[in-house]
Amino acid sequence: MDLKEFIENFAQQFDETDTSVIGADTYFQELEEWSSLTAMAIIAFVKTEYGKSITGKEIRSCKTIEDLFNLIDAK
């Protein structure tokens, strides 16, 4: 799994957020478009793209996109 590719795939989960503001150090839960539905979309995306399961609690424990990437990569 590659961080750059993960960020690109992560950014695709947002409809209204400009992808240029999404990077490894982005505090994704502070994005205006972030919601519980977005979190569910991220859970589904991770399962589909990477075959790994994450929980809402695990997502909440991450601050940045890189934190989330590291969590998923370690599974």
PDB file of N, CA and C in Angstrom:
ATOM      1  N   MET A   1       0.855  -1.168   0.000  1.00  0.00           N
ATOM      2  CA  MET A   1       0.000   0.000   0.000  1.00  0.00           C
ATOM      3  C   MET A   1       0.904   1.235   0.000  1.00  0.00           C
ATOM      4  N   ASP A   2       0.577   2.172  -0.829  1.00  0.00           N
ATOM      5  CA  ASP A   2       1.357   3.388  -1.017  1.00  0.00           C
ATOM      6  C   ASP A   2       0.586   4.588  -0.456  1.00  0.00           C
ATOM      7  N   LEU A   3       1.258   5.461   0.302  1.00  0.00           N
ATOM      8  CA  LEU A   3       0.598   6.608   0.932  1.00  0.00           C
ATOM      9  C   LEU A   3      -0.019   7.542  -0.102  1.00  0.00           C
ATOM     10  N   LYS A   4       0.711   7.845  -1.160  1.00  0.00           N
ATOM     11  CA  LYS A   4       0.197   8.764  -2.181  1.00  0.00           C
ATOM     12  C   LYS A   4      -1.091   8.214  -2.812  1.00  0.00           C
ATOM     13  N   GLU A   5      -1.072   6.940  -3.145  1.00  0.00           N
ATOM     14  CA  GLU A   5      -2.261   6.308  -3.735  1.00  0.00           C
ATOM     15  C   GLU A   5      -3.420   6.308  -2.737  1.00  0.00           C
ATOM     16  N   PHE A   6      -3.111   6.035  -1.465  1.00  0.00           N
ATOM     17  CA  PHE A   6      -4.146   6.031  -0.436  1.00  0.00           C
ATOM     18  C   PHE A   6      -4.795   7.405  -0.323  1.00  0.00           C
ATOM     19  N   ILE A   7      -3.987   8.457  -0.334  1.00  0.00           N
ATOM     20  CA  ILE A   7      -4.513   9.820  -0.234  1.00  0.00           C
ATOM     21  C   ILE A   7      -5.426  10.125  -1.415  1.00  0.00           C
ATOM     22  N   GLU A   8      -5.024   9.728  -2.616  1.00  0.00           N
ATOM     23  CA  GLU A   8      -5.860   9.950  -3.801  1.00  0.00           C
ATOM     24  C   GLU A   8      -7.186   9.220  -3.674  1.00  0.00           C
ATOM     25  N   ASN A   9      -7.144   7.966  -3.228  1.00  0.00           N
ATOM     26  CA  ASN A   9      -8.371   7.189  -3.053  1.00  0.00           C
ATOM     27  C   ASN A   9      -9.236   7.766  -1.932  1.00  0.00           C
ATOM     28  N   PHE A  10      -8.597   8.204  -0.847  1.00  0.00           N
ATOM     29  CA  PHE A  10      -9.306   8.820   0.265  1.00  0.00           C
ATOM     30  C   PHE A  10     -10.037  10.072  -0.216  1.00  0.00           C
ATOM     31  N   ALA A  11      -9.351  10.901  -0.986  1.00  0.00           N
ATOM     32  CA  ALA A  11      -9.929  12.156  -1.482  1.00  0.00           C
ATOM     33  C   ALA A  11     -11.152  11.913  -2.354  1.00  0.00           C
ATOM     34  N   GLN A  12     -11.195  10.787  -3.040  1.00  0.00           N
ATOM     35  CA  GLN A  12     -12.333  10.475  -3.909  1.00  0.00           C
ATOM     36  C   GLN A  12     -13.612  10.213  -3.125  1.00  0.00           C
ATOM     37  N   GLN A  13     -13.503  10.033  -1.815  1.00  0.00           N
ATOM     38  CA  GLN A  13     -14.678   9.775  -0.987  1.00  0.00           C
ATOM     39  C   GLN A  13     -15.454  11.058  -0.680  1.00  0.00           C
ATOM     40  N   PHE A  14     -14.885  12.193  -1.068  1.00  0.00           N
ATOM     41  CA  PHE A  14     -15.508  13.496  -0.821  1.00  0.00           C
ATOM     42  C   PHE A  14     -16.036  14.079  -2.125  1.00  0.00           C
ATOM     43  N   ASP A  15     -17.230  14.624  -2.070  1.00  0.00           N
ATOM     44  CA  ASP A  15     -17.852  15.193  -3.265  1.00  0.00           C
ATOM     45  C   ASP A  15     -17.541  16.673  -3.435  1.00  0.00           C
ATOM     46  N   GLU A  16     -17.530  17.407  -2.342  1.00  0.00           N
ATOM     47  CA  GLU A  16     -17.437  18.856  -2.417  1.00  0.00           C
ATOM     48  C   GLU A  16     -16.087  19.426  -1.983  1.00  0.00           C
ATOM     49  N   THR A  17     -15.255  18.617  -1.367  1.00  0.00           N
ATOM     50  CA  THR A  17     -13.965  19.102  -0.869  1.00  0.00           C
ATOM     51  C   THR A  17     -12.943  19.085  -1.992  1.00  0.00           C
ATOM     52  N   ASP A  18     -12.244  20.192  -2.160  1.00  0.00           N
ATOM     53  CA  ASP A  18     -11.196  20.297  -3.171  1.00  0.00           C
ATOM     54  C   ASP A  18     -10.067  19.344  -2.803  1.00  0.00           C
ATOM     55  N   THR A  19      -9.705  18.464  -3.716  1.00  0.00           N
ATOM     56  CA  THR A  19      -8.674  17.465  -3.432  1.00  0.00           C
ATOM     57  C   THR A  19      -7.313  18.086  -3.148  1.00  0.00           C
ATOM     58  N   SER A  20      -7.103  19.320  -3.563  1.00  0.00           N
ATOM     59  CA  SER A  20      -5.809  19.969  -3.318  1.00  0.00           C
ATOM     60  C   SER A  20      -5.588  20.259  -1.831  1.00  0.00           C
ATOM     61  N   VAL A  21      -6.642  20.260  -1.024  1.00  0.00           N
ATOM     62  CA  VAL A  21      -6.488  20.508   0.409  1.00  0.00           C
ATOM     63  C   VAL A  21      -6.266  19.221   1.200  1.00  0.00           C
ATOM     64  N   ILE A  22      -6.296  18.086   0.509  1.00  0.00           N
ATOM     65  CA  ILE A  22      -6.154  16.801   1.173  1.00  0.00           C
ATOM     66  C   ILE A  22      -4.739  16.272   0.958  1.00  0.00           C
ATOM     67  N   GLY A  23      -4.018  16.106   2.070  1.00  0.00           N
ATOM     68  CA  GLY A  23      -2.656  15.591   2.034  1.00  0.00           C
ATOM     69  C   GLY A  23      -2.407  14.713   3.247  1.00  0.00           C
ATOM     70  N   ALA A  24      -1.208  14.190   3.360  1.00  0.00           N
ATOM     71  CA  ALA A  24      -0.869  13.279   4.456  1.00  0.00           C
ATOM     72  C   ALA A  24      -1.094  13.913   5.826  1.00  0.00           C
ATOM     73  N   ASP A  25      -0.845  15.218   5.938  1.00  0.00           N
ATOM     74  CA  ASP A  25      -0.965  15.894   7.229  1.00  0.00           C
ATOM     75  C   ASP A  25      -2.315  16.572   7.453  1.00  0.00           C
ATOM     76  N   THR A  26      -3.274  16.286   6.596  1.00  0.00           N
ATOM     77  CA  THR A  26      -4.619  16.853   6.731  1.00  0.00           C
ATOM     78  C   THR A  26      -5.342  16.230   7.929  1.00  0.00           C
ATOM     79  N   TYR A  27      -5.892  17.080   8.786  1.00  0.00           N
ATOM     80  CA  TYR A  27      -6.743  16.624   9.882  1.00  0.00           C
ATOM     81  C   TYR A  27      -8.127  16.378   9.290  1.00  0.00           C
ATOM     82  N   PHE A  28      -8.329  15.147   8.819  1.00  0.00           N
ATOM     83  CA  PHE A  28      -9.509  14.856   8.004  1.00  0.00           C
ATOM     84  C   PHE A  28     -10.820  15.046   8.733  1.00  0.00           C
ATOM     85  N   GLN A  29     -10.859  14.871  10.040  1.00  0.00           N
ATOM     86  CA  GLN A  29     -12.111  15.044  10.773  1.00  0.00           C
ATOM     87  C   GLN A  29     -12.500  16.515  10.904  1.00  0.00           C
ATOM     88  N   GLU A  30     -11.585  17.411  10.551  1.00  0.00           N
ATOM     89  CA  GLU A  30     -11.874  18.837  10.579  1.00  0.00           C
ATOM     90  C   GLU A  30     -12.346  19.365   9.225  1.00  0.00           C
ATOM     91  N   LEU A  31     -12.356  18.512   8.208  1.00  0.00           N
ATOM     92  CA  LEU A  31     -12.859  18.930   6.901  1.00  0.00           C
ATOM     93  C   LEU A  31     -14.348  19.229   7.016  1.00  0.00           C
ATOM     94  N   GLU A  32     -14.788  20.280   6.370  1.00  0.00           N
ATOM     95  CA  GLU A  32     -16.192  20.699   6.455  1.00  0.00           C
ATOM     96  C   GLU A  32     -17.151  19.582   6.046  1.00  0.00           C
ATOM     97  N   GLU A  33     -16.759  18.808   5.079  1.00  0.00           N
ATOM     98  CA  GLU A  33     -17.629  17.754   4.546  1.00  0.00           C
ATOM     99  C   GLU A  33     -17.622  16.478   5.400  1.00  0.00           C
ATOM    100  N   TRP A  34     -16.736  16.374   6.389  1.00  0.00           N
ATOM    101  CA  TRP A  34     -16.620  15.167   7.197  1.00  0.00           C
ATOM    102  C   TRP A  34     -17.900  14.962   8.007  1.00  0.00           C
ATOM    103  N   SER A  35     -18.389  13.724   8.013  1.00  0.00           N
ATOM    104  CA  SER A  35     -19.576  13.372   8.781  1.00  0.00           C
ATOM    105  C   SER A  35     -19.533  11.877   9.089  1.00  0.00           C
ATOM    106  N   SER A  36     -20.507  11.418   9.836  1.00  0.00           N
ATOM    107  CA  SER A  36     -20.576   9.978  10.128  1.00  0.00           C
ATOM    108  C   SER A  36     -20.797   9.177   8.845  1.00  0.00           C
ATOM    109  N   LEU A  37     -21.495   9.767   7.884  1.00  0.00           N
ATOM    110  CA  LEU A  37     -21.692   9.072   6.601  1.00  0.00           C
ATOM    111  C   LEU A  37     -20.380   8.963   5.827  1.00  0.00           C
ATOM    112  N   THR A  38     -19.560   9.982   5.921  1.00  0.00           N
ATOM    113  CA  THR A  38     -18.253   9.931   5.272  1.00  0.00           C
ATOM    114  C   THR A  38     -17.405   8.852   5.933  1.00  0.00           C
ATOM    115  N   ALA A  39     -17.465   8.772   7.250  1.00  0.00           N
ATOM    116  CA  ALA A  39     -16.715   7.737   7.972  1.00  0.00           C
ATOM    117  C   ALA A  39     -17.144   6.350   7.512  1.00  0.00           C
ATOM    118  N   MET A  40     -18.437   6.156   7.327  1.00  0.00           N
ATOM    119  CA  MET A  40     -18.935   4.864   6.833  1.00  0.00           C
ATOM    120  C   MET A  40     -18.427   4.587   5.421  1.00  0.00           C
ATOM    121  N   ALA A  41     -18.362   5.632   4.600  1.00  0.00           N
ATOM    122  CA  ALA A  41     -17.837   5.470   3.242  1.00  0.00           C
ATOM    123  C   ALA A  41     -16.366   5.082   3.283  1.00  0.00           C
ATOM    124  N   ILE A  42     -15.610   5.648   4.221  1.00  0.00           N
ATOM    125  CA  ILE A  42     -14.194   5.316   4.370  1.00  0.00           C
ATOM    126  C   ILE A  42     -14.050   3.858   4.807  1.00  0.00           C
ATOM    127  N   ILE A  43     -14.878   3.414   5.742  1.00  0.00           N
ATOM    128  CA  ILE A  43     -14.848   2.019   6.194  1.00  0.00           C
ATOM    129  C   ILE A  43     -15.097   1.084   5.011  1.00  0.00           C
ATOM    130  N   ALA A  44     -16.108   1.398   4.202  1.00  0.00           N
ATOM    131  CA  ALA A  44     -16.424   0.572   3.027  1.00  0.00           C
ATOM    132  C   ALA A  44     -15.300   0.619   1.998  1.00  0.00           C
ATOM    133  N   PHE A  45     -14.741   1.794   1.770  1.00  0.00           N
ATOM    134  CA  PHE A  45     -13.648   1.962   0.813  1.00  0.00           C
ATOM    135  C   PHE A  45     -12.435   1.128   1.224  1.00  0.00           C
ATOM    136  N   VAL A  46     -12.087   1.165   2.506  1.00  0.00           N
ATOM    137  CA  VAL A  46     -10.928   0.402   2.990  1.00  0.00           C
ATOM    138  C   VAL A  46     -11.174  -1.096   2.824  1.00  0.00           C
ATOM    139  N   LYS A  47     -12.369  -1.540   3.130  1.00  0.00           N
ATOM    140  CA  LYS A  47     -12.712  -2.966   2.980  1.00  0.00           C
ATOM    141  C   LYS A  47     -12.641  -3.379   1.517  1.00  0.00           C
ATOM    142  N   THR A  48     -13.194  -2.571   0.626  1.00  0.00           N
ATOM    143  CA  THR A  48     -13.234  -2.897  -0.797  1.00  0.00           C
ATOM    144  C   THR A  48     -11.856  -2.820  -1.447  1.00  0.00           C
ATOM    145  N   GLU A  49     -11.140  -1.734  -1.204  1.00  0.00           N
ATOM    146  CA  GLU A  49      -9.853  -1.500  -1.875  1.00  0.00           C
ATOM    147  C   GLU A  49      -8.696  -2.290  -1.280  1.00  0.00           C
ATOM    148  N   TYR A  50      -8.713  -2.467   0.047  1.00  0.00           N
ATOM    149  CA  TYR A  50      -7.555  -3.059   0.718  1.00  0.00           C
ATOM    150  C   TYR A  50      -7.871  -4.368   1.440  1.00  0.00           C
ATOM    151  N   GLY A  51      -9.149  -4.748   1.470  1.00  0.00           N
ATOM    152  CA  GLY A  51      -9.532  -6.005   2.114  1.00  0.00           C
ATOM    153  C   GLY A  51      -9.298  -6.011   3.617  1.00  0.00           C
ATOM    154  N   LYS A  52      -9.337  -4.832   4.231  1.00  0.00           N
ATOM    155  CA  LYS A  52      -9.097  -4.718   5.669  1.00  0.00           C
ATOM    156  C   LYS A  52     -10.294  -4.059   6.331  1.00  0.00           C
ATOM    157  N   SER A  53     -10.566  -4.468   7.564  1.00  0.00           N
ATOM    158  CA  SER A  53     -11.695  -3.913   8.309  1.00  0.00           C
ATOM    159  C   SER A  53     -11.198  -2.929   9.359  1.00  0.00           C
ATOM    160  N   ILE A  54     -11.844  -1.775   9.397  1.00  0.00           N
ATOM    161  CA  ILE A  54     -11.576  -0.790  10.437  1.00  0.00           C
ATOM    162  C   ILE A  54     -12.906  -0.374  11.048  1.00  0.00           C
ATOM    163  N   THR A  55     -12.840   0.126  12.255  1.00  0.00           N
ATOM    164  CA  THR A  55     -14.058   0.542  12.953  1.00  0.00           C
ATOM    165  C   THR A  55     -14.120   2.064  13.050  1.00  0.00           C
ATOM    166  N   GLY A  56     -15.298   2.547  13.376  1.00  0.00           N
ATOM    167  CA  GLY A  56     -15.460   3.976  13.597  1.00  0.00           C
ATOM    168  C   GLY A  56     -14.581   4.459  14.735  1.00  0.00           C
ATOM    169  N   LYS A  57     -14.442   3.638  15.774  1.00  0.00           N
ATOM    170  CA  LYS A  57     -13.594   3.996  16.909  1.00  0.00           C
ATOM    171  C   LYS A  57     -12.139   4.148  16.468  1.00  0.00           C
ATOM    172  N   GLU A  58     -11.680   3.261  15.590  1.00  0.00           N
ATOM    173  CA  GLU A  58     -10.314   3.354  15.085  1.00  0.00           C
ATOM    174  C   GLU A  58     -10.126   4.621  14.243  1.00  0.00           C
ATOM    175  N   ILE A  59     -11.125   4.948  13.441  1.00  0.00           N
ATOM    176  CA  ILE A  59     -11.048   6.175  12.641  1.00  0.00           C
ATOM    177  C   ILE A  59     -10.966   7.393  13.563  1.00  0.00           C
ATOM    178  N   ARG A  60     -11.801   7.415  14.589  1.00  0.00           N
ATOM    179  CA  ARG A  60     -11.798   8.546  15.530  1.00  0.00           C
ATOM    180  C   ARG A  60     -10.465   8.694  16.257  1.00  0.00           C
ATOM    181  N   SER A  61      -9.730   7.588  16.405  1.00  0.00           N
ATOM    182  CA  SER A  61      -8.438   7.647  17.102  1.00  0.00           C
ATOM    183  C   SER A  61      -7.340   8.263  16.229  1.00  0.00           C
ATOM    184  N   CYS A  62      -7.593   8.389  14.940  1.00  0.00           N
ATOM    185  CA  CYS A  62      -6.616   8.955  14.007  1.00  0.00           C
ATOM    186  C   CYS A  62      -6.845  10.456  13.855  1.00  0.00           C
ATOM    187  N   LYS A  63      -5.763  11.190  13.759  1.00  0.00           N
ATOM    188  CA  LYS A  63      -5.864  12.637  13.568  1.00  0.00           C
ATOM    189  C   LYS A  63      -5.705  13.007  12.087  1.00  0.00           C
ATOM    190  N   THR A  64      -4.637  12.501  11.477  1.00  0.00           N
ATOM    191  CA  THR A  64      -4.327  12.865  10.093  1.00  0.00           C
ATOM    192  C   THR A  64      -4.594  11.687   9.152  1.00  0.00           C
ATOM    193  N   ILE A  65      -4.584  11.981   7.879  1.00  0.00           N
ATOM    194  CA  ILE A  65      -4.750  10.924   6.886  1.00  0.00           C
ATOM    195  C   ILE A  65      -3.594   9.935   6.979  1.00  0.00           C
ATOM    196  N   GLU A  66      -2.401  10.438   7.259  1.00  0.00           N
ATOM    197  CA  GLU A  66      -1.262   9.527   7.415  1.00  0.00           C
ATOM    198  C   GLU A  66      -1.450   8.609   8.624  1.00  0.00           C
ATOM    199  N   ASP A  67      -2.031   9.102   9.710  1.00  0.00           N
ATOM    200  CA  ASP A  67      -2.339   8.247  10.859  1.00  0.00           C
ATOM    201  C   ASP A  67      -3.276   7.120  10.441  1.00  0.00           C
ATOM    202  N   LEU A  68      -4.290   7.462   9.665  1.00  0.00           N
ATOM    203  CA  LEU A  68      -5.248   6.472   9.186  1.00  0.00           C
ATOM    204  C   LEU A  68      -4.554   5.465   8.263  1.00  0.00           C
ATOM    205  N   PHE A  69      -3.710   5.966   7.375  1.00  0.00           N
ATOM    206  CA  PHE A  69      -2.937   5.089   6.494  1.00  0.00           C
ATOM    207  C   PHE A  69      -2.100   4.103   7.300  1.00  0.00           C
ATOM    208  N   ASN A  70      -1.407   4.602   8.331  1.00  0.00           N
ATOM    209  CA  ASN A  70      -0.556   3.744   9.158  1.00  0.00           C
ATOM    210  C   ASN A  70      -1.371   2.699   9.893  1.00  0.00           C
ATOM    211  N   LEU A  71      -2.551   3.075  10.365  1.00  0.00           N
ATOM    212  CA  LEU A  71      -3.448   2.134  11.026  1.00  0.00           C
ATOM    213  C   LEU A  71      -3.821   0.991  10.087  1.00  0.00           C
ATOM    214  N   ILE A  72      -4.235   1.354   8.888  1.00  0.00           N
ATOM    215  CA  ILE A  72      -4.668   0.356   7.905  1.00  0.00           C
ATOM    216  C   ILE A  72      -3.491  -0.497   7.458  1.00  0.00           C
ATOM    217  N   ASP A  73      -2.353   0.126   7.240  1.00  0.00           N
ATOM    218  CA  ASP A  73      -1.159  -0.584   6.775  1.00  0.00           C
ATOM    219  C   ASP A  73      -0.690  -1.610   7.808  1.00  0.00           C
ATOM    220  N   ALA A  74      -0.914  -1.326   9.094  1.00  0.00           N
ATOM    221  CA  ALA A  74      -0.467  -2.219  10.161  1.00  0.00           C
ATOM    222  C   ALA A  74      -1.394  -3.424  10.357  1.00  0.00           C
ATOM    223  N   LYS A  75      -2.568  -3.386   9.775  1.00  0.00           N
ATOM    224  CA  LYS A  75      -3.536  -4.487   9.944  1.00  0.00           C
ATOM    225  C   LYS A  75      -3.177  -5.674   9.095  1.00  0.00           C
TER     226      LYS A  75
END
